[in-house]
Amino acid sequence: MPVKIAEKSLSVMKINLYSKDHELLACGYKRIVVGERGMYLEFKEKDLLMDNFFVPEYEEWRLKNNKCYYIEYRSRFSNIKCYFQKKRVWYADYKIGYYYISALDVFTRKNKVLTTFDRF
């Protein structure tokens, strides 16, 4: 029987988010999802700088495969993983059609990692 995972979320935040190498990744996020695999920021496509992301060649099979749960993107300069959710999963409240990046991989302008629910 699956374990129920406590999840929390914040309302929409408009803040520039960067990689540790100062690569601009997003200009806001919808909420933080906390599930079994950690904290992830949820994005709409319009919040991400999609020109800074690509699907690696070894992950292109996911683009046409209806059985996989997500499409993996990587940032061009910092190699940050970004997932586009295709199917629901049991371990977190990821929504189909949204993008997710680990909160440990993004920073504010002041290099503060998003690891708490504090508002900036």
C-alpha atoms as a PDB file:
ATOM      1  CA  MET A   1       0.000   0.000   0.000  1.00  0.00           C
ATOM      2  CA  PRO A   2       1.513   3.391  -0.972  1.00  0.00           C
ATOM      3  CA  VAL A   3       2.533   5.698   1.850  1.00  0.00           C
ATOM      4  CA  LYS A   4       0.654   9.009   1.949  1.00  0.00           C
ATOM      5  CA  ILE A   5       3.161  11.821   1.410  1.00  0.00           C
ATOM      6  CA  ALA A   6       2.576  15.202   3.020  1.00  0.00           C
ATOM      7  CA  GLU A   7       2.676  17.953   0.437  1.00  0.00           C
ATOM      8  CA  LYS A   8       2.662  21.712   0.774  1.00  0.00           C
ATOM      9  CA  SER A   9       2.380  24.434  -1.791  1.00  0.00           C
ATOM     10  CA  LEU A  10       2.749  28.173  -2.122  1.00  0.00           C
ATOM     11  CA  SER A  11       0.847  30.500  -4.374  1.00  0.00           C
ATOM     12  CA  VAL A  12       2.387  31.910  -7.548  1.00  0.00           C
ATOM     13  CA  MET A  13       5.748  33.566  -7.002  1.00  0.00           C
ATOM     14  CA  LYS A  14       7.240  36.053  -9.441  1.00  0.00           C
ATOM     15  CA  ILE A  15      10.986  35.911  -8.913  1.00  0.00           C
ATOM     16  CA  ASN A  16      13.963  35.320 -11.195  1.00  0.00           C
ATOM     17  CA  LEU A  17      15.542  31.928 -10.604  1.00  0.00           C
ATOM     18  CA  TYR A  18      19.095  31.032 -11.599  1.00  0.00           C
ATOM     19  CA  SER A  19      21.418  28.049 -11.646  1.00  0.00           C
ATOM     20  CA  LYS A  20      24.497  28.106  -9.406  1.00  0.00           C
ATOM     21  CA  ASP A  21      26.366  29.297 -12.518  1.00  0.00           C
ATOM     22  CA  HIS A  22      24.028  32.317 -12.827  1.00  0.00           C
ATOM     23  CA  GLU A  23      22.147  30.951 -15.830  1.00  0.00           C
ATOM     24  CA  LEU A  24      18.644  32.456 -15.793  1.00  0.00           C
ATOM     25  CA  LEU A  25      16.162  29.566 -15.791  1.00  0.00           C
ATOM     26  CA  ALA A  26      12.785  31.079 -14.918  1.00  0.00           C
ATOM     27  CA  CYS A  27      10.949  34.297 -14.093  1.00  0.00           C
ATOM     28  CA  GLY A  28       8.541  32.834 -11.563  1.00  0.00           C
ATOM     29  CA  TYR A  29       6.966  29.589 -10.444  1.00  0.00           C
ATOM     30  CA  LYS A  30       3.509  28.363  -9.520  1.00  0.00           C
ATOM     31  CA  ARG A  31       4.134  26.418  -6.313  1.00  0.00           C
ATOM     32  CA  ILE A  32       6.523  24.148  -4.435  1.00  0.00           C
ATOM     33  CA  VAL A  33       5.566  20.481  -4.397  1.00  0.00           C
ATOM     34  CA  VAL A  34       6.942  18.343  -1.575  1.00  0.00           C
ATOM     35  CA  GLY A  35       6.749  14.630  -2.190  1.00  0.00           C
ATOM     36  CA  GLU A  36       8.697  11.470  -1.567  1.00  0.00           C
ATOM     37  CA  ARG A  37      11.571  12.566  -3.821  1.00  0.00           C
ATOM     38  CA  GLY A  38      12.055  16.036  -2.352  1.00  0.00           C
ATOM     39  CA  MET A  39      10.989  19.607  -3.052  1.00  0.00           C
ATOM     40  CA  TYR A  40      10.273  20.645  -6.630  1.00  0.00           C
ATOM     41  CA  LEU A  41       9.231  23.969  -8.072  1.00  0.00           C
ATOM     42  CA  GLU A  42       6.297  23.825 -10.457  1.00  0.00           C
ATOM     43  CA  PHE A  43       6.311  25.975 -13.586  1.00  0.00           C
ATOM     44  CA  LYS A  44       4.064  26.827 -16.457  1.00  0.00           C
ATOM     45  CA  GLU A  45       5.911  26.933 -19.774  1.00  0.00           C
ATOM     46  CA  LYS A  46       5.579  30.736 -19.895  1.00  0.00           C
ATOM     47  CA  ASP A  47       7.579  31.007 -16.627  1.00  0.00           C
ATOM     48  CA  LEU A  48      10.603  29.131 -17.991  1.00  0.00           C
ATOM     49  CA  LEU A  49      13.148  30.501 -20.424  1.00  0.00           C
ATOM     50  CA  MET A  50      12.651  27.574 -22.799  1.00  0.00           C
ATOM     51  CA  ASP A  51      15.479  28.758 -25.083  1.00  0.00           C
ATOM     52  CA  ASN A  52      17.809  27.842 -22.211  1.00  0.00           C
ATOM     53  CA  PHE A  53      16.592  24.218 -22.171  1.00  0.00           C
ATOM     54  CA  PHE A  54      16.859  21.263 -24.552  1.00  0.00           C
ATOM     55  CA  VAL A  55      15.995  17.578 -24.618  1.00  0.00           C
ATOM     56  CA  PRO A  56      19.240  15.574 -24.568  1.00  0.00           C
ATOM     57  CA  GLU A  57      19.655  13.183 -27.488  1.00  0.00           C
ATOM     58  CA  TYR A  58      19.556  10.145 -25.175  1.00  0.00           C
ATOM     59  CA  GLU A  59      16.140  11.321 -23.848  1.00  0.00           C
ATOM     60  CA  GLU A  60      14.461  12.085 -27.198  1.00  0.00           C
ATOM     61  CA  TRP A  61      12.646   8.728 -27.148  1.00  0.00           C
ATOM     62  CA  ARG A  62      10.392  10.203 -24.443  1.00  0.00           C
ATOM     63  CA  LEU A  63       8.966  12.782 -26.863  1.00  0.00           C
ATOM     64  CA  LYS A  64       6.945  10.161 -28.763  1.00  0.00           C
ATOM     65  CA  ASN A  65       6.514   7.510 -26.079  1.00  0.00           C
ATOM     66  CA  ASN A  66       3.056   7.562 -24.471  1.00  0.00           C
ATOM     67  CA  LYS A  67       4.083   5.168 -21.687  1.00  0.00           C
ATOM     68  CA  CYS A  68       6.688   7.380 -20.023  1.00  0.00           C
ATOM     69  CA  TYR A  69       5.763   9.722 -17.188  1.00  0.00           C
ATOM     70  CA  TYR A  70       7.857  12.743 -18.124  1.00  0.00           C
ATOM     71  CA  ILE A  71      10.117  14.372 -20.697  1.00  0.00           C
ATOM     72  CA  GLU A  72      13.542  15.320 -19.397  1.00  0.00           C
ATOM     73  CA  TYR A  73      15.040  18.652 -20.385  1.00  0.00           C
ATOM     74  CA  ARG A  74      18.458  20.021 -19.418  1.00  0.00           C
ATOM     75  CA  SER A  75      19.588  23.609 -19.122  1.00  0.00           C
ATOM     76  CA  ARG A  76      22.102  24.513 -21.812  1.00  0.00           C
ATOM     77  CA  PHE A  77      24.931  25.763 -19.612  1.00  0.00           C
ATOM     78  CA  SER A  78      24.402  24.329 -16.135  1.00  0.00           C
ATOM     79  CA  ASN A  79      22.954  20.902 -16.963  1.00  0.00           C
ATOM     80  CA  ILE A  80      19.978  21.406 -14.600  1.00  0.00           C
ATOM     81  CA  LYS A  81      17.231  18.762 -14.971  1.00  0.00           C
ATOM     82  CA  CYS A  82      13.777  20.015 -15.810  1.00  0.00           C
ATOM     83  CA  TYR A  83      10.884  17.574 -16.117  1.00  0.00           C
ATOM     84  CA  PHE A  84       7.729  18.034 -18.175  1.00  0.00           C
ATOM     85  CA  GLN A  85       5.057  15.873 -16.570  1.00  0.00           C
ATOM     86  CA  LYS A  86       3.121  13.618 -18.988  1.00  0.00           C
ATOM     87  CA  LYS A  87       1.366  11.311 -16.492  1.00  0.00           C
ATOM     88  CA  ARG A  88       0.389  11.375 -12.831  1.00  0.00           C
ATOM     89  CA  VAL A  89       2.552   9.605 -10.263  1.00  0.00           C
ATOM     90  CA  TRP A  90       1.647   8.244  -6.809  1.00  0.00           C
ATOM     91  CA  TYR A  91       4.519   9.791  -4.843  1.00  0.00           C
ATOM     92  CA  ALA A  92       3.847  13.504  -5.435  1.00  0.00           C
ATOM     93  CA  ASP A  93       1.181  15.909  -6.661  1.00  0.00           C
ATOM     94  CA  TYR A  94       2.864  16.626  -9.995  1.00  0.00           C
ATOM     95  CA  LYS A  95       0.340  17.930 -12.502  1.00  0.00           C
ATOM     96  CA  ILE A  96       0.197  16.869 -16.127  1.00  0.00           C
ATOM     97  CA  GLY A  97       1.345  19.648 -18.451  1.00  0.00           C
ATOM     98  CA  TYR A  98       3.586  21.412 -15.925  1.00  0.00           C
ATOM     99  CA  TYR A  99       7.387  21.554 -15.606  1.00  0.00           C
ATOM    100  CA  TYR A 100       9.397  20.718 -12.462  1.00  0.00           C
ATOM    101  CA  ILE A 101      12.907  21.573 -11.244  1.00  0.00           C
ATOM    102  CA  SER A 102      14.417  20.529  -7.922  1.00  0.00           C
ATOM    103  CA  ALA A 103      14.389  23.388  -5.421  1.00  0.00           C
ATOM    104  CA  LEU A 104      18.019  22.492  -4.642  1.00  0.00           C
ATOM    105  CA  ASP A 105      19.053  23.414  -8.188  1.00  0.00           C
ATOM    106  CA  VAL A 106      17.746  26.986  -8.300  1.00  0.00           C
ATOM    107  CA  PHE A 107      18.880  30.170  -6.614  1.00  0.00           C
ATOM    108  CA  THR A 108      17.649  33.713  -6.246  1.00  0.00           C
ATOM    109  CA  ARG A 109      19.690  36.690  -7.344  1.00  0.00           C
ATOM    110  CA  LYS A 110      21.347  36.669  -3.927  1.00  0.00           C
ATOM    111  CA  ASN A 111      22.337  33.005  -4.355  1.00  0.00           C
ATOM    112  CA  LYS A 112      19.808  31.900  -1.756  1.00  0.00           C
ATOM    113  CA  VAL A 113      18.730  28.361  -2.507  1.00  0.00           C
ATOM    114  CA  LEU A 114      14.987  27.728  -2.319  1.00  0.00           C
ATOM    115  CA  THR A 115      14.921  25.108   0.423  1.00  0.00           C
ATOM    116  CA  THR A 116      12.294  26.575   2.738  1.00  0.00           C
ATOM    117  CA  PHE A 117       8.812  27.979   2.426  1.00  0.00           C
ATOM    118  CA  ASP A 118       9.971  31.496   3.270  1.00  0.00           C
ATOM    119  CA  ARG A 119       8.676  34.238   1.007  1.00  0.00           C
ATOM    120  CA  PHE A 120      11.292  36.539  -0.525  1.00  0.00           C
END
